[in-house]
Amino acid sequence: MEAALKILLIIFSLGLIGTVLLQKGKSAGLSGAITGGAEHLFGRQKARGLDLLLQRVTVVLASGFFLLALAVAYFMD
């Protein structure tokens, strides 16, 4: 059980790294940091197509990674 969880954790971590690296940068410089927060706050969603898919896959992989990390820590003696 423990070995299977560790293998899944490695798969999720590699998938998470890959999806984060495939995503485009949201903004560049200080001006992007200021306006990027406002756009996110008011709910404007510019992500379409592949960007949206990568964003959703990243959320799923990050959640799975977090839960698997907790499970592995729980089952370690």
PDB file of N, CA and C in Angstrom:
ATOM      1  N   MET A   1       0.833  -1.196   0.000  1.00  0.00           N
ATOM      2  CA  MET A   1       0.000   0.000   0.000  1.00  0.00           C
ATOM      3  C   MET A   1       0.873   1.253   0.000  1.00  0.00           C
ATOM      4  N   GLU A   2       1.858   1.249   0.865  1.00  0.00           N
ATOM      5  CA  GLU A   2       2.739   2.410   0.988  1.00  0.00           C
ATOM      6  C   GLU A   2       3.535   2.645  -0.297  1.00  0.00           C
ATOM      7  N   ALA A   3       4.013   1.580  -0.905  1.00  0.00           N
ATOM      8  CA  ALA A   3       4.786   1.707  -2.142  1.00  0.00           C
ATOM      9  C   ALA A   3       3.910   2.234  -3.282  1.00  0.00           C
ATOM     10  N   ALA A   4       2.671   1.764  -3.345  1.00  0.00           N
ATOM     11  CA  ALA A   4       1.759   2.236  -4.393  1.00  0.00           C
ATOM     12  C   ALA A   4       1.457   3.719  -4.221  1.00  0.00           C
ATOM     13  N   LEU A   5       1.276   4.165  -2.982  1.00  0.00           N
ATOM     14  CA  LEU A   5       1.023   5.583  -2.730  1.00  0.00           C
ATOM     15  C   LEU A   5       2.228   6.433  -3.105  1.00  0.00           C
ATOM     16  N   LYS A   6       3.425   5.940  -2.824  1.00  0.00           N
ATOM     17  CA  LYS A   6       4.633   6.688  -3.173  1.00  0.00           C
ATOM     18  C   LYS A   6       4.801   6.793  -4.693  1.00  0.00           C
ATOM     19  N   ILE A   7       4.482   5.720  -5.403  1.00  0.00           N
ATOM     20  CA  ILE A   7       4.569   5.750  -6.867  1.00  0.00           C
ATOM     21  C   ILE A   7       3.557   6.740  -7.426  1.00  0.00           C
ATOM     22  N   LEU A   8       2.325   6.722  -6.898  1.00  0.00           N
ATOM     23  CA  LEU A   8       1.314   7.688  -7.331  1.00  0.00           C
ATOM     24  C   LEU A   8       1.733   9.121  -7.017  1.00  0.00           C
ATOM     25  N   LEU A   9       2.371   9.310  -5.874  1.00  0.00           N
ATOM     26  CA  LEU A   9       2.846  10.635  -5.493  1.00  0.00           C
ATOM     27  C   LEU A   9       3.902  11.141  -6.476  1.00  0.00           C
ATOM     28  N   ILE A  10       4.792  10.268  -6.900  1.00  0.00           N
ATOM     29  CA  ILE A  10       5.817  10.645  -7.876  1.00  0.00           C
ATOM     30  C   ILE A  10       5.174  10.978  -9.220  1.00  0.00           C
ATOM     31  N   ILE A  11       4.187  10.182  -9.637  1.00  0.00           N
ATOM     32  CA  ILE A  11       3.503  10.433 -10.913  1.00  0.00           C
ATOM     33  C   ILE A  11       2.777  11.778 -10.863  1.00  0.00           C
ATOM     34  N   PHE A  12       2.082  12.050  -9.759  1.00  0.00           N
ATOM     35  CA  PHE A  12       1.367  13.313  -9.632  1.00  0.00           C
ATOM     36  C   PHE A  12       2.338  14.488  -9.594  1.00  0.00           C
ATOM     37  N   SER A  13       3.466  14.323  -8.917  1.00  0.00           N
ATOM     38  CA  SER A  13       4.430  15.433  -8.841  1.00  0.00           C
ATOM     39  C   SER A  13       5.037  15.727 -10.209  1.00  0.00           C
ATOM     40  N   LEU A  14       5.380  14.694 -10.978  1.00  0.00           N
ATOM     41  CA  LEU A  14       5.919  14.917 -12.319  1.00  0.00           C
ATOM     42  C   LEU A  14       4.876  15.539 -13.247  1.00  0.00           C
ATOM     43  N   GLY A  15       3.632  15.092 -13.132  1.00  0.00           N
ATOM     44  CA  GLY A  15       2.559  15.686 -13.921  1.00  0.00           C
ATOM     45  C   GLY A  15       2.322  17.141 -13.562  1.00  0.00           C
ATOM     46  N   LEU A  16       2.393  17.450 -12.279  1.00  0.00           N
ATOM     47  CA  LEU A  16       2.210  18.823 -11.821  1.00  0.00           C
ATOM     48  C   LEU A  16       3.331  19.721 -12.328  1.00  0.00           C
ATOM     49  N   ILE A  17       4.554  19.242 -12.271  1.00  0.00           N
ATOM     50  CA  ILE A  17       5.694  20.006 -12.790  1.00  0.00           C
ATOM     51  C   ILE A  17       5.527  20.249 -14.278  1.00  0.00           C
ATOM     52  N   GLY A  18       5.131  19.225 -15.004  1.00  0.00           N
ATOM     53  CA  GLY A  18       4.957  19.354 -16.447  1.00  0.00           C
ATOM     54  C   GLY A  18       3.871  20.348 -16.826  1.00  0.00           C
ATOM     55  N   THR A  19       2.730  20.304 -16.146  1.00  0.00           N
ATOM     56  CA  THR A  19       1.649  21.219 -16.495  1.00  0.00           C
ATOM     57  C   THR A  19       1.980  22.659 -16.121  1.00  0.00           C
ATOM     58  N   VAL A  20       2.688  22.853 -15.035  1.00  0.00           N
ATOM     59  CA  VAL A  20       3.081  24.212 -14.662  1.00  0.00           C
ATOM     60  C   VAL A  20       4.066  24.773 -15.673  1.00  0.00           C
ATOM     61  N   LEU A  21       4.993  23.951 -16.130  1.00  0.00           N
ATOM     62  CA  LEU A  21       5.975  24.428 -17.104  1.00  0.00           C
ATOM     63  C   LEU A  21       5.358  24.691 -18.479  1.00  0.00           C
ATOM     64  N   LEU A  22       4.268  24.028 -18.815  1.00  0.00           N
ATOM     65  CA  LEU A  22       3.619  24.231 -20.102  1.00  0.00           C
ATOM     66  C   LEU A  22       2.761  25.490 -20.152  1.00  0.00           C
ATOM     67  N   GLN A  23       2.404  26.028 -18.990  1.00  0.00           N
ATOM     68  CA  GLN A  23       1.534  27.199 -18.957  1.00  0.00           C
ATOM     69  C   GLN A  23       2.296  28.455 -19.345  1.00  0.00           C
ATOM     70  N   LYS A  24       1.567  29.392 -19.930  1.00  0.00           N
ATOM     71  CA  LYS A  24       2.139  30.692 -20.268  1.00  0.00           C
ATOM     72  C   LYS A  24       2.252  31.529 -19.009  1.00  0.00           C
ATOM     73  N   GLY A  25       3.191  32.486 -19.029  1.00  0.00           N
ATOM     74  CA  GLY A  25       3.292  33.431 -17.929  1.00  0.00           C
ATOM     75  C   GLY A  25       2.080  34.348 -17.920  1.00  0.00           C
ATOM     76  N   LYS A  26       1.519  34.609 -16.770  1.00  0.00           N
ATOM     77  CA  LYS A  26       0.316  35.431 -16.678  1.00  0.00           C
ATOM     78  C   LYS A  26       0.607  36.903 -16.944  1.00  0.00           C
ATOM     79  N   SER A  27       1.741  37.402 -16.471  1.00  0.00           N
ATOM     80  CA  SER A  27       2.064  38.812 -16.659  1.00  0.00           C
ATOM     81  C   SER A  27       3.569  38.984 -16.539  1.00  0.00           C
ATOM     82  N   ALA A  28       4.031  40.125 -16.995  1.00  0.00           N
ATOM     83  CA  ALA A  28       5.461  40.406 -16.924  1.00  0.00           C
ATOM     84  C   ALA A  28       5.663  41.758 -16.252  1.00  0.00           C
ATOM     85  N   GLY A  29       6.565  41.792 -15.320  1.00  0.00           N
ATOM     86  CA  GLY A  29       6.912  43.048 -14.694  1.00  0.00           C
ATOM     87  C   GLY A  29       5.954  43.479 -13.605  1.00  0.00           C
ATOM     88  N   LEU A  30       6.204  44.677 -13.090  1.00  0.00           N
ATOM     89  CA  LEU A  30       5.417  45.216 -11.987  1.00  0.00           C
ATOM     90  C   LEU A  30       4.008  45.609 -12.433  1.00  0.00           C
ATOM     91  N   SER A  31       3.859  46.145 -13.633  1.00  0.00           N
ATOM     92  CA  SER A  31       2.538  46.560 -14.098  1.00  0.00           C
ATOM     93  C   SER A  31       1.606  45.365 -14.255  1.00  0.00           C
ATOM     94  N   GLY A  32       2.137  44.242 -14.680  1.00  0.00           N
ATOM     95  CA  GLY A  32       1.321  43.037 -14.796  1.00  0.00           C
ATOM     96  C   GLY A  32       0.887  42.513 -13.443  1.00  0.00           C
ATOM     97  N   ALA A  33       1.737  42.686 -12.449  1.00  0.00           N
ATOM     98  CA  ALA A  33       1.388  42.230 -11.101  1.00  0.00           C
ATOM     99  C   ALA A  33       0.243  43.057 -10.532  1.00  0.00           C
ATOM    100  N   ILE A  34       0.239  44.347 -10.836  1.00  0.00           N
ATOM    101  CA  ILE A  34      -0.809  45.225 -10.317  1.00  0.00           C
ATOM    102  C   ILE A  34      -2.132  44.960 -11.029  1.00  0.00           C
ATOM    103  N   THR A  35      -2.121  44.922 -12.344  1.00  0.00           N
ATOM    104  CA  THR A  35      -3.370  44.721 -13.078  1.00  0.00           C
ATOM    105  C   THR A  35      -3.847  43.284 -13.040  1.00  0.00           C
ATOM    106  N   GLY A  36      -2.947  42.339 -12.907  1.00  0.00           N
ATOM    107  CA  GLY A  36      -3.340  40.935 -12.874  1.00  0.00           C
ATOM    108  C   GLY A  36      -4.194  40.609 -11.677  1.00  0.00           C
ATOM    109  N   GLY A  37      -3.885  41.201 -10.532  1.00  0.00           N
ATOM    110  CA  GLY A  37      -4.679  40.965  -9.330  1.00  0.00           C
ATOM    111  C   GLY A  37      -6.076  41.528  -9.455  1.00  0.00           C
ATOM    112  N   ALA A  38      -6.199  42.690 -10.087  1.00  0.00           N
ATOM    113  CA  ALA A  38      -7.513  43.314 -10.247  1.00  0.00           C
ATOM    114  C   ALA A  38      -8.383  42.494 -11.191  1.00  0.00           C
ATOM    115  N   GLU A  39      -7.797  41.986 -12.264  1.00  0.00           N
ATOM    116  CA  GLU A  39      -8.582  41.177 -13.205  1.00  0.00           C
ATOM    117  C   GLU A  39      -9.071  39.899 -12.549  1.00  0.00           C
ATOM    118  N   HIS A  40      -8.237  39.296 -11.747  1.00  0.00           N
ATOM    119  CA  HIS A  40      -8.636  38.066 -11.076  1.00  0.00           C
ATOM    120  C   HIS A  40      -9.694  38.346 -10.015  1.00  0.00           C
ATOM    121  N   LEU A  41      -9.580  39.493  -9.363  1.00  0.00           N
ATOM    122  CA  LEU A  41     -10.512  39.841  -8.298  1.00  0.00           C
ATOM    123  C   LEU A  41     -11.930  40.043  -8.825  1.00  0.00           C
ATOM    124  N   PHE A  42     -12.054  40.676  -9.971  1.00  0.00           N
ATOM    125  CA  PHE A  42     -13.375  40.969 -10.505  1.00  0.00           C
ATOM    126  C   PHE A  42     -13.901  39.895 -11.439  1.00  0.00           C
ATOM    127  N   GLY A  43     -13.203  38.790 -11.566  1.00  0.00           N
ATOM    128  CA  GLY A  43     -13.728  37.639 -12.262  1.00  0.00           C
ATOM    129  C   GLY A  43     -13.575  37.623 -13.768  1.00  0.00           C
ATOM    130  N   ARG A  44     -12.735  38.442 -14.323  1.00  0.00           N
ATOM    131  CA  ARG A  44     -12.499  38.368 -15.760  1.00  0.00           C
ATOM    132  C   ARG A  44     -11.662  37.132 -16.044  1.00  0.00           C
ATOM    133  N   GLN A  45     -12.113  36.334 -16.952  1.00  0.00           N
ATOM    134  CA  GLN A  45     -11.398  35.096 -17.261  1.00  0.00           C
ATOM    135  C   GLN A  45     -10.947  35.150 -18.713  1.00  0.00           C
ATOM    136  N   LYS A  46      -9.640  35.266 -18.904  1.00  0.00           N
ATOM    137  CA  LYS A  46      -9.097  35.355 -20.246  1.00  0.00           C
ATOM    138  C   LYS A  46      -8.655  33.992 -20.778  1.00  0.00           C
ATOM    139  N   ALA A  47      -8.574  33.017 -19.909  1.00  0.00           N
ATOM    140  CA  ALA A  47      -8.070  31.710 -20.321  1.00  0.00           C
ATOM    141  C   ALA A  47      -9.073  31.026 -21.246  1.00  0.00           C
ATOM    142  N   ARG A  48      -8.589  30.576 -22.365  1.00  0.00           N
ATOM    143  CA  ARG A  48      -9.415  29.861 -23.327  1.00  0.00           C
ATOM    144  C   ARG A  48      -8.626  28.674 -23.853  1.00  0.00           C
ATOM    145  N   GLY A  49      -9.322  27.653 -24.273  1.00  0.00           N
ATOM    146  CA  GLY A  49      -8.712  26.523 -24.951  1.00  0.00           C
ATOM    147  C   GLY A  49      -7.698  25.778 -24.100  1.00  0.00           C
ATOM    148  N   LEU A  50      -6.473  25.705 -24.628  1.00  0.00           N
ATOM    149  CA  LEU A  50      -5.418  24.936 -23.980  1.00  0.00           C
ATOM    150  C   LEU A  50      -5.023  25.534 -22.631  1.00  0.00           C
ATOM    151  N   ASP A  51      -5.028  26.862 -22.534  1.00  0.00           N
ATOM    152  CA  ASP A  51      -4.684  27.502 -21.266  1.00  0.00           C
ATOM    153  C   ASP A  51      -5.667  27.126 -20.167  1.00  0.00           C
ATOM    154  N   LEU A  52      -6.939  27.115 -20.506  1.00  0.00           N
ATOM    155  CA  LEU A  52      -7.968  26.744 -19.535  1.00  0.00           C
ATOM    156  C   LEU A  52      -7.828  25.277 -19.126  1.00  0.00           C
ATOM    157  N   LEU A  53      -7.562  24.420 -20.106  1.00  0.00           N
ATOM    158  CA  LEU A  53      -7.370  23.001 -19.813  1.00  0.00           C
ATOM    159  C   LEU A  53      -6.174  22.791 -18.889  1.00  0.00           C
ATOM    160  N   LEU A  54      -5.056  23.443 -19.195  1.00  0.00           N
ATOM    161  CA  LEU A  54      -3.869  23.309 -18.351  1.00  0.00           C
ATOM    162  C   LEU A  54      -4.118  23.842 -16.943  1.00  0.00           C
ATOM    163  N   GLN A  55      -4.885  24.908 -16.851  1.00  0.00           N
ATOM    164  CA  GLN A  55      -5.202  25.472 -15.543  1.00  0.00           C
ATOM    165  C   GLN A  55      -6.025  24.487 -14.708  1.00  0.00           C
ATOM    166  N   ARG A  56      -7.008  23.866 -15.334  1.00  0.00           N
ATOM    167  CA  ARG A  56      -7.848  22.901 -14.610  1.00  0.00           C
ATOM    168  C   ARG A  56      -7.079  21.636 -14.245  1.00  0.00           C
ATOM    169  N   VAL A  57      -6.226  21.165 -15.160  1.00  0.00           N
ATOM    170  CA  VAL A  57      -5.410  19.978 -14.872  1.00  0.00           C
ATOM    171  C   VAL A  57      -4.451  20.272 -13.727  1.00  0.00           C
ATOM    172  N   THR A  58      -3.914  21.488 -13.682  1.00  0.00           N
ATOM    173  CA  THR A  58      -3.016  21.872 -12.602  1.00  0.00           C
ATOM    174  C   THR A  58      -3.724  21.838 -11.258  1.00  0.00           C
ATOM    175  N   VAL A  59      -4.954  22.330 -11.214  1.00  0.00           N
ATOM    176  CA  VAL A  59      -5.715  22.317  -9.959  1.00  0.00           C
ATOM    177  C   VAL A  59      -5.983  20.880  -9.510  1.00  0.00           C
ATOM    178  N   VAL A  60      -6.354  20.022 -10.443  1.00  0.00           N
ATOM    179  CA  VAL A  60      -6.637  18.618 -10.102  1.00  0.00           C
ATOM    180  C   VAL A  60      -5.367  17.918  -9.613  1.00  0.00           C
ATOM    181  N   LEU A  61      -4.262  18.110 -10.325  1.00  0.00           N
ATOM    182  CA  LEU A  61      -3.008  17.463  -9.934  1.00  0.00           C
ATOM    183  C   LEU A  61      -2.490  17.994  -8.598  1.00  0.00           C
ATOM    184  N   ALA A  62      -2.638  19.290  -8.366  1.00  0.00           N
ATOM    185  CA  ALA A  62      -2.190  19.859  -7.098  1.00  0.00           C
ATOM    186  C   ALA A  62      -3.019  19.321  -5.933  1.00  0.00           C
ATOM    187  N   SER A  63      -4.319  19.201  -6.128  1.00  0.00           N
ATOM    188  CA  SER A  63      -5.182  18.641  -5.079  1.00  0.00           C
ATOM    189  C   SER A  63      -4.828  17.182  -4.809  1.00  0.00           C
ATOM    190  N   GLY A  64      -4.648  16.417  -5.881  1.00  0.00           N
ATOM    191  CA  GLY A  64      -4.272  15.013  -5.720  1.00  0.00           C
ATOM    192  C   GLY A  64      -2.912  14.861  -5.056  1.00  0.00           C
ATOM    193  N   PHE A  65      -1.964  15.717  -5.428  1.00  0.00           N
ATOM    194  CA  PHE A  65      -0.640  15.678  -4.821  1.00  0.00           C
ATOM    195  C   PHE A  65      -0.725  15.954  -3.322  1.00  0.00           C
ATOM    196  N   PHE A  66      -1.511  16.945  -2.950  1.00  0.00           N
ATOM    197  CA  PHE A  66      -1.665  17.292  -1.540  1.00  0.00           C
ATOM    198  C   PHE A  66      -2.278  16.132  -0.750  1.00  0.00           C
ATOM    199  N   LEU A  67      -3.329  15.536  -1.289  1.00  0.00           N
ATOM    200  CA  LEU A  67      -3.979  14.424  -0.590  1.00  0.00           C
ATOM    201  C   LEU A  67      -3.078  13.192  -0.509  1.00  0.00           C
ATOM    202  N   LEU A  68      -2.350  12.918  -1.591  1.00  0.00           N
ATOM    203  CA  LEU A  68      -1.432  11.780  -1.567  1.00  0.00           C
ATOM    204  C   LEU A  68      -0.281  12.005  -0.593  1.00  0.00           C
ATOM    205  N   ALA A  69       0.205  13.242  -0.512  1.00  0.00           N
ATOM    206  CA  ALA A  69       1.273  13.545   0.443  1.00  0.00           C
ATOM    207  C   ALA A  69       0.792  13.330   1.874  1.00  0.00           C
ATOM    208  N   LEU A  70      -0.443  13.719   2.150  1.00  0.00           N
ATOM    209  CA  LEU A  70      -1.006  13.475   3.488  1.00  0.00           C
ATOM    210  C   LEU A  70      -1.168  11.980   3.753  1.00  0.00           C
ATOM    211  N   ALA A  71      -1.608  11.224   2.750  1.00  0.00           N
ATOM    212  CA  ALA A  71      -1.791   9.771   2.909  1.00  0.00           C
ATOM    213  C   ALA A  71      -0.463   9.077   3.145  1.00  0.00           C
ATOM    214  N   VAL A  72       0.556   9.472   2.390  1.00  0.00           N
ATOM    215  CA  VAL A  72       1.881   8.858   2.565  1.00  0.00           C
ATOM    216  C   VAL A  72       2.418   9.190   3.954  1.00  0.00           C
ATOM    217  N   ALA A  73       2.253  10.409   4.407  1.00  0.00           N
ATOM    218  CA  ALA A  73       2.718  10.795   5.731  1.00  0.00           C
ATOM    219  C   ALA A  73       1.956  10.036   6.830  1.00  0.00           C
ATOM    220  N   TYR A  74       0.686   9.778   6.607  1.00  0.00           N
ATOM    221  CA  TYR A  74      -0.115   9.055   7.587  1.00  0.00           C
ATOM    222  C   TYR A  74       0.314   7.599   7.699  1.00  0.00           C
ATOM    223  N   PHE A  75       0.608   6.960   6.552  1.00  0.00           N
ATOM    224  CA  PHE A  75       0.940   5.549   6.565  1.00  0.00           C
ATOM    225  C   PHE A  75       2.412   5.262   6.875  1.00  0.00           C
ATOM    226  N   MET A  76       3.236   6.291   6.914  1.00  0.00           N
ATOM    227  CA  MET A  76       4.653   6.087   7.301  1.00  0.00           C
ATOM    228  C   MET A  76       4.709   5.802   8.807  1.00  0.00           C
ATOM    229  N   ASP A  77       5.508   4.856   9.170  1.00  0.00           N
ATOM    230  CA  ASP A  77       5.609   4.508  10.608  1.00  0.00           C
ATOM    231  C   ASP A  77       6.751   5.164  11.286  1.00  0.00           C
TER     232      ASP A  77
END
